[in-house]
Amino acid sequence: MVRRLSAVDAQMYWMSAKIPNDTVLLYGFAGGPADLEQAIDEIATRARGCPDLTVRVEDGGPLTYPAWVHRDVDRAQFVIYEVEGRTWLACLAKVSEVTADPLDASVAAWRLHVFPDIVGVPGADGSGTVAVLQISHALGGGGRTSGPAAVMFGRLGG
């Protein structure tokens, strides 16, 4: 099914070509999964069940209006990083570096950056895991994107 972007979302999409405007949501978790690849597979499965996370923008050019079209969730949307030093501050520096690369919503409207085994994550004793959802502002600002993120991380019922 094709659905046109709202006027505000289309404006955000068009502006992103000149002024990167991705929304970045950072989540810190105490500890880490026993099997990181399996955990990412589970997150991907939940993302596939969330309509807002299974779209990309189709924009035929200046004489057409952009629309949301289906895009399968695939492993390319999940990137795992090893942070030198494994500290919270080093992780934040790496987050700043990797999210400076803006998304192309016509390819993928979001990407999840995962930083395992980070020491000093606020609220975590020992090491923790940091997950950063970088999502096109065309898909919505923080309020609209925190719901799909919650589904991805295991909230039931959307």
N, C-alpha and C. Protein backbone atom coordinates (compact mmCIF):
# COMPACT_ATOMS: atom_id res chain seq x y z
N MET A 1 0.83 -1.18 0.00
CA MET A 1 0.00 0.00 0.00
C MET A 1 0.88 1.25 0.00
N VAL A 2 0.52 2.21 -0.81
CA VAL A 2 1.24 3.47 -0.89
C VAL A 2 0.41 4.53 -0.17
N ARG A 3 1.06 5.27 0.72
CA ARG A 3 0.35 6.38 1.36
C ARG A 3 1.23 7.62 1.32
N ARG A 4 0.63 8.71 0.92
CA ARG A 4 1.38 9.95 0.78
C ARG A 4 1.88 10.44 2.14
N LEU A 5 3.03 11.08 2.15
CA LEU A 5 3.52 11.70 3.36
C LEU A 5 2.62 12.87 3.71
N SER A 6 2.45 13.13 4.99
CA SER A 6 1.72 14.33 5.39
C SER A 6 2.54 15.54 4.92
N ALA A 7 1.92 16.69 4.87
CA ALA A 7 2.61 17.90 4.41
C ALA A 7 3.84 18.18 5.28
N VAL A 8 3.71 18.04 6.58
CA VAL A 8 4.83 18.29 7.49
C VAL A 8 5.94 17.27 7.26
N ASP A 9 5.58 15.99 7.11
CA ASP A 9 6.58 14.96 6.89
C ASP A 9 7.28 15.14 5.55
N ALA A 10 6.54 15.54 4.51
CA ALA A 10 7.16 15.79 3.20
C ALA A 10 8.14 16.96 3.30
N GLN A 11 7.74 17.99 4.04
CA GLN A 11 8.64 19.14 4.23
C GLN A 11 9.93 18.69 4.93
N MET A 12 9.81 17.86 5.97
CA MET A 12 10.99 17.36 6.68
C MET A 12 11.86 16.52 5.74
N TYR A 13 11.22 15.72 4.91
CA TYR A 13 11.97 14.90 3.96
C TYR A 13 12.74 15.78 2.97
N TRP A 14 12.07 16.76 2.38
CA TRP A 14 12.72 17.64 1.41
C TRP A 14 13.84 18.45 2.08
N MET A 15 13.60 18.94 3.29
CA MET A 15 14.62 19.73 3.99
C MET A 15 15.85 18.89 4.31
N SER A 16 15.66 17.59 4.55
CA SER A 16 16.79 16.75 4.95
C SER A 16 17.89 16.69 3.89
N ALA A 17 17.55 17.00 2.65
CA ALA A 17 18.56 17.02 1.59
C ALA A 17 19.56 18.15 1.80
N LYS A 18 19.13 19.22 2.44
CA LYS A 18 20.00 20.38 2.68
C LYS A 18 20.43 20.49 4.14
N ILE A 19 19.52 20.14 5.04
CA ILE A 19 19.80 20.25 6.48
C ILE A 19 19.46 18.90 7.11
N PRO A 20 20.47 18.09 7.41
CA PRO A 20 20.18 16.78 8.03
C PRO A 20 19.35 16.98 9.29
N ASN A 21 18.29 16.18 9.43
CA ASN A 21 17.37 16.39 10.55
C ASN A 21 16.90 15.07 11.17
N ASP A 22 17.74 14.04 11.11
CA ASP A 22 17.36 12.77 11.72
C ASP A 22 17.10 12.95 13.22
N THR A 23 16.18 12.17 13.74
CA THR A 23 15.95 12.09 15.17
C THR A 23 16.83 10.98 15.70
N VAL A 24 17.47 11.21 16.83
CA VAL A 24 18.36 10.22 17.43
C VAL A 24 17.86 9.93 18.84
N LEU A 25 17.50 8.67 19.08
CA LEU A 25 17.02 8.23 20.39
C LEU A 25 18.04 7.25 20.97
N LEU A 26 18.57 7.56 22.16
CA LEU A 26 19.58 6.73 22.79
C LEU A 26 18.97 5.98 23.97
N TYR A 27 19.21 4.66 24.01
CA TYR A 27 18.70 3.80 25.07
C TYR A 27 19.88 3.07 25.71
N GLY A 28 19.91 3.06 27.03
CA GLY A 28 20.95 2.32 27.74
C GLY A 28 20.33 1.17 28.51
N PHE A 29 20.95 0.01 28.43
CA PHE A 29 20.46 -1.20 29.10
C PHE A 29 21.55 -1.75 30.00
N ALA A 30 21.17 -2.18 31.18
CA ALA A 30 22.12 -2.84 32.08
C ALA A 30 22.47 -4.20 31.49
N GLY A 31 23.74 -4.55 31.55
CA GLY A 31 24.18 -5.85 31.06
C GLY A 31 24.13 -5.93 29.54
N GLY A 32 24.05 -7.15 29.08
CA GLY A 32 24.00 -7.37 27.64
C GLY A 32 23.45 -8.75 27.36
N PRO A 33 22.99 -8.98 26.15
CA PRO A 33 22.45 -10.29 25.81
C PRO A 33 23.55 -11.34 25.74
N ALA A 34 23.18 -12.57 26.06
CA ALA A 34 24.14 -13.68 25.96
C ALA A 34 24.57 -13.88 24.51
N ASP A 35 23.64 -13.68 23.59
CA ASP A 35 23.92 -13.85 22.17
C ASP A 35 23.42 -12.59 21.45
N LEU A 36 24.33 -11.69 21.14
CA LEU A 36 23.96 -10.40 20.53
C LEU A 36 23.28 -10.57 19.18
N GLU A 37 23.77 -11.47 18.36
CA GLU A 37 23.16 -11.68 17.04
C GLU A 37 21.72 -12.17 17.17
N GLN A 38 21.48 -13.07 18.12
CA GLN A 38 20.11 -13.56 18.34
C GLN A 38 19.22 -12.42 18.84
N ALA A 39 19.75 -11.59 19.72
CA ALA A 39 18.98 -10.46 20.22
C ALA A 39 18.61 -9.51 19.09
N ILE A 40 19.55 -9.25 18.18
CA ILE A 40 19.25 -8.38 17.04
C ILE A 40 18.22 -9.03 16.11
N ASP A 41 18.30 -10.34 15.93
CA ASP A 41 17.28 -11.04 15.14
C ASP A 41 15.90 -10.87 15.76
N GLU A 42 15.81 -10.94 17.09
CA GLU A 42 14.52 -10.75 17.77
C GLU A 42 14.02 -9.32 17.60
N ILE A 43 14.91 -8.35 17.72
CA ILE A 43 14.53 -6.95 17.53
C ILE A 43 14.04 -6.74 16.10
N ALA A 44 14.74 -7.33 15.14
CA ALA A 44 14.33 -7.20 13.73
C ALA A 44 12.95 -7.81 13.50
N THR A 45 12.69 -8.94 14.13
CA THR A 45 11.38 -9.58 14.00
C THR A 45 10.29 -8.66 14.55
N ARG A 46 10.53 -8.04 15.70
CA ARG A 46 9.54 -7.11 16.26
C ARG A 46 9.38 -5.89 15.35
N ALA A 47 10.49 -5.40 14.78
CA ALA A 47 10.41 -4.25 13.88
C ALA A 47 9.55 -4.57 12.66
N ARG A 48 9.65 -5.80 12.18
CA ARG A 48 8.84 -6.20 11.01
C ARG A 48 7.35 -6.14 11.31
N GLY A 49 6.98 -6.22 12.57
CA GLY A 49 5.58 -6.16 12.95
C GLY A 49 5.08 -4.75 13.23
N CYS A 50 5.93 -3.76 13.05
CA CYS A 50 5.56 -2.37 13.32
C CYS A 50 5.47 -1.61 11.99
N PRO A 51 4.26 -1.19 11.59
CA PRO A 51 4.10 -0.54 10.29
C PRO A 51 5.02 0.66 10.07
N ASP A 52 5.29 1.44 11.11
CA ASP A 52 6.15 2.61 10.95
C ASP A 52 7.61 2.25 10.68
N LEU A 53 7.99 1.00 10.95
CA LEU A 53 9.38 0.60 10.76
C LEU A 53 9.57 -0.23 9.49
N THR A 54 8.53 -0.36 8.70
CA THR A 54 8.62 -1.16 7.46
C THR A 54 8.31 -0.29 6.24
N VAL A 55 8.82 0.94 6.28
CA VAL A 55 8.59 1.87 5.18
C VAL A 55 9.87 2.59 4.78
N ARG A 56 9.81 3.13 3.59
CA ARG A 56 10.81 4.07 3.10
C ARG A 56 10.05 5.07 2.24
N VAL A 57 10.72 6.15 1.88
CA VAL A 57 10.09 7.18 1.04
C VAL A 57 10.34 6.86 -0.42
N GLU A 58 9.31 6.96 -1.21
CA GLU A 58 9.46 6.90 -2.66
C GLU A 58 9.13 8.29 -3.19
N ASP A 59 10.11 8.86 -3.86
CA ASP A 59 9.95 10.22 -4.38
C ASP A 59 10.40 10.22 -5.83
N GLY A 60 9.45 10.36 -6.72
CA GLY A 60 9.75 10.27 -8.15
C GLY A 60 10.38 11.51 -8.75
N GLY A 61 10.54 12.57 -7.96
CA GLY A 61 11.16 13.77 -8.49
C GLY A 61 10.30 14.99 -8.28
N PRO A 62 10.68 16.09 -8.93
CA PRO A 62 10.02 17.37 -8.66
C PRO A 62 8.56 17.45 -9.07
N LEU A 63 8.11 16.57 -9.94
CA LEU A 63 6.71 16.64 -10.38
C LEU A 63 5.81 15.63 -9.67
N THR A 64 6.34 14.96 -8.66
CA THR A 64 5.55 14.00 -7.90
C THR A 64 5.58 14.36 -6.43
N TYR A 65 4.71 13.73 -5.68
CA TYR A 65 4.64 13.95 -4.23
C TYR A 65 5.16 12.68 -3.55
N PRO A 66 6.02 12.81 -2.54
CA PRO A 66 6.60 11.62 -1.90
C PRO A 66 5.55 10.78 -1.17
N ALA A 67 5.81 9.48 -1.14
CA ALA A 67 4.88 8.55 -0.48
C ALA A 67 5.67 7.53 0.32
N TRP A 68 5.03 6.99 1.34
CA TRP A 68 5.61 5.87 2.09
C TRP A 68 5.29 4.59 1.33
N VAL A 69 6.30 3.78 1.10
CA VAL A 69 6.12 2.48 0.47
C VAL A 69 6.77 1.43 1.35
N HIS A 70 6.37 0.18 1.16
CA HIS A 70 6.90 -0.90 1.99
C HIS A 70 8.40 -1.10 1.75
N ARG A 71 9.08 -1.39 2.84
CA ARG A 71 10.49 -1.77 2.78
C ARG A 71 10.68 -2.86 3.83
N ASP A 72 11.23 -3.97 3.40
CA ASP A 72 11.51 -5.04 4.35
C ASP A 72 12.58 -4.60 5.34
N VAL A 73 12.43 -5.02 6.59
CA VAL A 73 13.47 -4.81 7.59
C VAL A 73 14.56 -5.83 7.30
N ASP A 74 15.80 -5.36 7.19
CA ASP A 74 16.89 -6.30 6.94
C ASP A 74 18.08 -5.99 7.85
N ARG A 75 19.02 -6.89 7.85
CA ARG A 75 20.17 -6.82 8.76
C ARG A 75 21.03 -5.58 8.51
N ALA A 76 20.97 -5.00 7.33
CA ALA A 76 21.76 -3.80 7.03
C ALA A 76 21.34 -2.61 7.89
N GLN A 77 20.15 -2.66 8.46
CA GLN A 77 19.68 -1.56 9.31
C GLN A 77 20.21 -1.65 10.74
N PHE A 78 20.95 -2.69 11.04
CA PHE A 78 21.51 -2.89 12.38
C PHE A 78 23.03 -2.89 12.27
N VAL A 79 23.68 -1.99 13.00
CA VAL A 79 25.12 -1.88 12.94
C VAL A 79 25.68 -2.02 14.35
N ILE A 80 26.62 -2.94 14.52
CA ILE A 80 27.24 -3.19 15.83
C ILE A 80 28.63 -2.56 15.83
N TYR A 81 28.95 -1.88 16.92
CA TYR A 81 30.24 -1.20 17.04
C TYR A 81 30.98 -1.71 18.26
N GLU A 82 32.29 -1.79 18.14
CA GLU A 82 33.15 -2.00 19.29
C GLU A 82 33.79 -0.66 19.57
N VAL A 83 33.62 -0.17 20.79
CA VAL A 83 34.13 1.14 21.16
C VAL A 83 35.47 0.97 21.87
N GLU A 84 36.49 1.64 21.35
CA GLU A 84 37.81 1.58 21.97
C GLU A 84 37.72 2.17 23.37
N GLY A 85 38.19 1.42 24.35
CA GLY A 85 38.14 1.86 25.73
C GLY A 85 36.86 1.46 26.45
N ARG A 86 35.79 1.21 25.69
CA ARG A 86 34.51 0.73 26.20
C ARG A 86 33.86 1.64 27.24
N THR A 87 34.28 2.91 27.34
CA THR A 87 33.71 3.81 28.34
C THR A 87 32.46 4.52 27.81
N TRP A 88 31.65 4.99 28.72
CA TRP A 88 30.45 5.73 28.40
C TRP A 88 30.79 6.96 27.54
N LEU A 89 31.82 7.72 27.94
CA LEU A 89 32.19 8.91 27.18
C LEU A 89 32.69 8.55 25.78
N ALA A 90 33.47 7.49 25.66
CA ALA A 90 33.94 7.05 24.34
C ALA A 90 32.75 6.60 23.49
N CYS A 91 31.79 5.96 24.13
CA CYS A 91 30.58 5.53 23.41
C CYS A 91 29.82 6.75 22.89
N LEU A 92 29.64 7.76 23.74
CA LEU A 92 28.92 8.96 23.30
C LEU A 92 29.64 9.65 22.13
N ALA A 93 30.96 9.65 22.17
CA ALA A 93 31.72 10.23 21.06
C ALA A 93 31.48 9.44 19.77
N LYS A 94 31.45 8.12 19.89
CA LYS A 94 31.20 7.27 18.72
C LYS A 94 29.76 7.46 18.21
N VAL A 95 28.82 7.61 19.13
CA VAL A 95 27.42 7.86 18.74
C VAL A 95 27.36 9.15 17.92
N SER A 96 28.02 10.18 18.39
CA SER A 96 28.03 11.46 17.68
C SER A 96 28.63 11.29 16.29
N GLU A 97 29.68 10.51 16.19
CA GLU A 97 30.34 10.28 14.90
C GLU A 97 29.43 9.53 13.92
N VAL A 98 28.83 8.43 14.37
CA VAL A 98 28.07 7.60 13.43
C VAL A 98 26.72 8.20 13.06
N THR A 99 26.12 8.98 13.96
CA THR A 99 24.83 9.59 13.62
C THR A 99 25.00 10.87 12.82
N ALA A 100 26.23 11.31 12.62
CA ALA A 100 26.48 12.46 11.75
C ALA A 100 26.29 12.09 10.29
N ASP A 101 26.25 10.79 10.00
CA ASP A 101 25.98 10.31 8.64
C ASP A 101 24.46 10.23 8.48
N PRO A 102 23.85 11.19 7.79
CA PRO A 102 22.38 11.22 7.74
C PRO A 102 21.81 10.06 6.93
N LEU A 103 20.61 9.70 7.30
CA LEU A 103 19.88 8.66 6.58
C LEU A 103 19.38 9.18 5.25
N ASP A 104 19.22 8.29 4.31
CA ASP A 104 18.52 8.58 3.08
C ASP A 104 17.20 7.82 3.19
N ALA A 105 16.14 8.54 3.51
CA ALA A 105 14.85 7.90 3.77
C ALA A 105 14.29 7.19 2.55
N SER A 106 14.83 7.47 1.37
CA SER A 106 14.37 6.74 0.19
C SER A 106 14.99 5.35 0.12
N VAL A 107 16.01 5.13 0.94
CA VAL A 107 16.63 3.81 1.05
C VAL A 107 16.14 3.10 2.31
N ALA A 108 16.28 3.76 3.46
CA ALA A 108 15.83 3.23 4.74
C ALA A 108 15.51 4.40 5.65
N ALA A 109 14.39 4.36 6.32
CA ALA A 109 13.95 5.47 7.17
C ALA A 109 14.55 5.41 8.57
N TRP A 110 15.25 4.32 8.89
CA TRP A 110 15.87 4.22 10.21
C TRP A 110 17.05 3.25 10.19
N ARG A 111 17.87 3.39 11.25
CA ARG A 111 19.01 2.51 11.45
C ARG A 111 19.20 2.38 12.96
N LEU A 112 19.56 1.18 13.42
CA LEU A 112 19.84 0.96 14.84
C LEU A 112 21.32 0.70 15.02
N HIS A 113 21.97 1.55 15.80
CA HIS A 113 23.38 1.43 16.13
C HIS A 113 23.46 0.75 17.51
N VAL A 114 24.25 -0.30 17.63
CA VAL A 114 24.33 -1.06 18.88
C VAL A 114 25.77 -1.04 19.38
N PHE A 115 25.93 -0.71 20.65
CA PHE A 115 27.24 -0.61 21.30
C PHE A 115 27.25 -1.53 22.52
N PRO A 116 27.73 -2.76 22.38
CA PRO A 116 27.73 -3.69 23.51
C PRO A 116 28.93 -3.47 24.44
N ASP A 117 28.77 -3.95 25.67
CA ASP A 117 29.87 -4.02 26.63
C ASP A 117 30.48 -2.65 26.93
N ILE A 118 29.62 -1.69 27.27
CA ILE A 118 30.06 -0.33 27.59
C ILE A 118 30.05 -0.17 29.11
N VAL A 119 31.16 0.30 29.66
CA VAL A 119 31.29 0.51 31.10
C VAL A 119 30.88 1.94 31.44
N GLY A 120 30.04 2.07 32.46
CA GLY A 120 29.63 3.40 32.91
C GLY A 120 28.31 3.87 32.36
N VAL A 121 27.53 2.98 31.75
CA VAL A 121 26.20 3.36 31.28
C VAL A 121 25.39 3.78 32.51
N PRO A 122 24.82 5.00 32.53
CA PRO A 122 24.07 5.44 33.70
C PRO A 122 23.00 4.43 34.12
N GLY A 123 22.99 4.11 35.40
CA GLY A 123 22.00 3.17 35.93
C GLY A 123 22.38 1.72 35.83
N ALA A 124 23.52 1.42 35.22
CA ALA A 124 23.94 0.02 35.05
C ALA A 124 25.15 -0.26 35.94
N ASP A 125 25.08 -1.33 36.70
CA ASP A 125 26.24 -1.80 37.45
C ASP A 125 27.06 -2.66 36.50
N GLY A 126 28.33 -2.40 36.39
CA GLY A 126 29.15 -3.15 35.44
C GLY A 126 28.93 -2.62 34.04
N SER A 127 29.05 -3.50 33.06
CA SER A 127 28.90 -3.05 31.68
C SER A 127 27.43 -3.07 31.26
N GLY A 128 27.16 -2.32 30.22
CA GLY A 128 25.81 -2.25 29.68
C GLY A 128 25.85 -2.22 28.17
N THR A 129 24.68 -2.14 27.59
CA THR A 129 24.54 -2.08 26.14
C THR A 129 23.82 -0.79 25.80
N VAL A 130 24.32 -0.10 24.79
CA VAL A 130 23.70 1.14 24.33
C VAL A 130 23.14 0.88 22.93
N ALA A 131 21.88 1.26 22.74
CA ALA A 131 21.23 1.14 21.43
C ALA A 131 20.77 2.54 21.03
N VAL A 132 21.11 2.93 19.82
CA VAL A 132 20.77 4.27 19.32
C VAL A 132 19.94 4.11 18.06
N LEU A 133 18.71 4.57 18.14
CA LEU A 133 17.83 4.55 16.97
C LEU A 133 17.96 5.88 16.25
N GLN A 134 18.48 5.83 15.03
CA GLN A 134 18.57 6.99 14.16
C GLN A 134 17.42 6.83 13.18
N ILE A 135 16.52 7.82 13.17
CA ILE A 135 15.29 7.68 12.39
C ILE A 135 15.00 8.99 11.66
N SER A 136 14.58 8.88 10.43
CA SER A 136 14.29 10.06 9.63
C SER A 136 13.22 10.91 10.30
N HIS A 137 13.47 12.21 10.36
CA HIS A 137 12.47 13.11 10.95
C HIS A 137 11.19 13.11 10.13
N ALA A 138 11.28 12.73 8.86
CA ALA A 138 10.08 12.61 8.03
C ALA A 138 9.14 11.55 8.59
N LEU A 139 9.70 10.56 9.28
CA LEU A 139 8.87 9.52 9.89
C LEU A 139 8.25 10.02 11.19
N GLY A 140 8.75 11.12 11.68
CA GLY A 140 8.18 11.73 12.87
C GLY A 140 9.24 12.17 13.84
N GLY A 141 8.89 13.12 14.67
CA GLY A 141 9.80 13.59 15.71
C GLY A 141 9.86 12.59 16.86
N GLY A 142 10.52 12.98 17.93
CA GLY A 142 10.75 12.10 19.07
C GLY A 142 9.50 11.41 19.60
N GLY A 143 8.40 12.14 19.74
CA GLY A 143 7.17 11.55 20.28
C GLY A 143 6.61 10.46 19.40
N ARG A 144 6.65 10.67 18.10
CA ARG A 144 6.12 9.68 17.16
C ARG A 144 7.07 8.52 16.96
N THR A 145 8.34 8.70 17.23
CA THR A 145 9.31 7.63 17.00
C THR A 145 9.58 6.81 18.24
N SER A 146 9.26 7.33 19.41
CA SER A 146 9.53 6.56 20.62
C SER A 146 8.59 5.36 20.73
N GLY A 147 7.39 5.44 20.20
CA GLY A 147 6.46 4.30 20.20
C GLY A 147 6.98 3.11 19.40
N PRO A 148 7.35 3.31 18.13
CA PRO A 148 7.94 2.21 17.36
C PRO A 148 9.22 1.66 18.00
N ALA A 149 10.01 2.54 18.59
CA ALA A 149 11.23 2.07 19.26
C ALA A 149 10.87 1.16 20.43
N ALA A 150 9.85 1.53 21.18
CA ALA A 150 9.43 0.70 22.32
C ALA A 150 8.97 -0.68 21.84
N VAL A 151 8.28 -0.73 20.72
CA VAL A 151 7.86 -2.02 20.16
C VAL A 151 9.09 -2.84 19.78
N MET A 152 10.07 -2.19 19.17
CA MET A 152 11.28 -2.89 18.78
C MET A 152 11.99 -3.50 19.98
N PHE A 153 11.96 -2.79 21.11
CA PHE A 153 12.65 -3.27 22.31
C PHE A 153 11.79 -4.13 23.20
N GLY A 154 10.57 -4.48 22.75
CA GLY A 154 9.80 -5.48 23.44
C GLY A 154 8.48 -5.09 24.05
N ARG A 155 8.07 -3.81 23.94
CA ARG A 155 6.76 -3.44 24.48
C ARG A 155 5.69 -4.14 23.66
N LEU A 156 4.72 -4.71 24.32
CA LEU A 156 3.63 -5.38 23.64
C LEU A 156 2.52 -4.41 23.31
N GLY A 157 1.87 -4.63 22.21
CA GLY A 157 0.67 -3.87 21.87
C GLY A 157 0.89 -2.53 21.23
N GLY A 158 2.12 -2.19 20.82
CA GLY A 158 2.39 -0.95 20.10
C GLY A 158 2.19 0.24 20.91
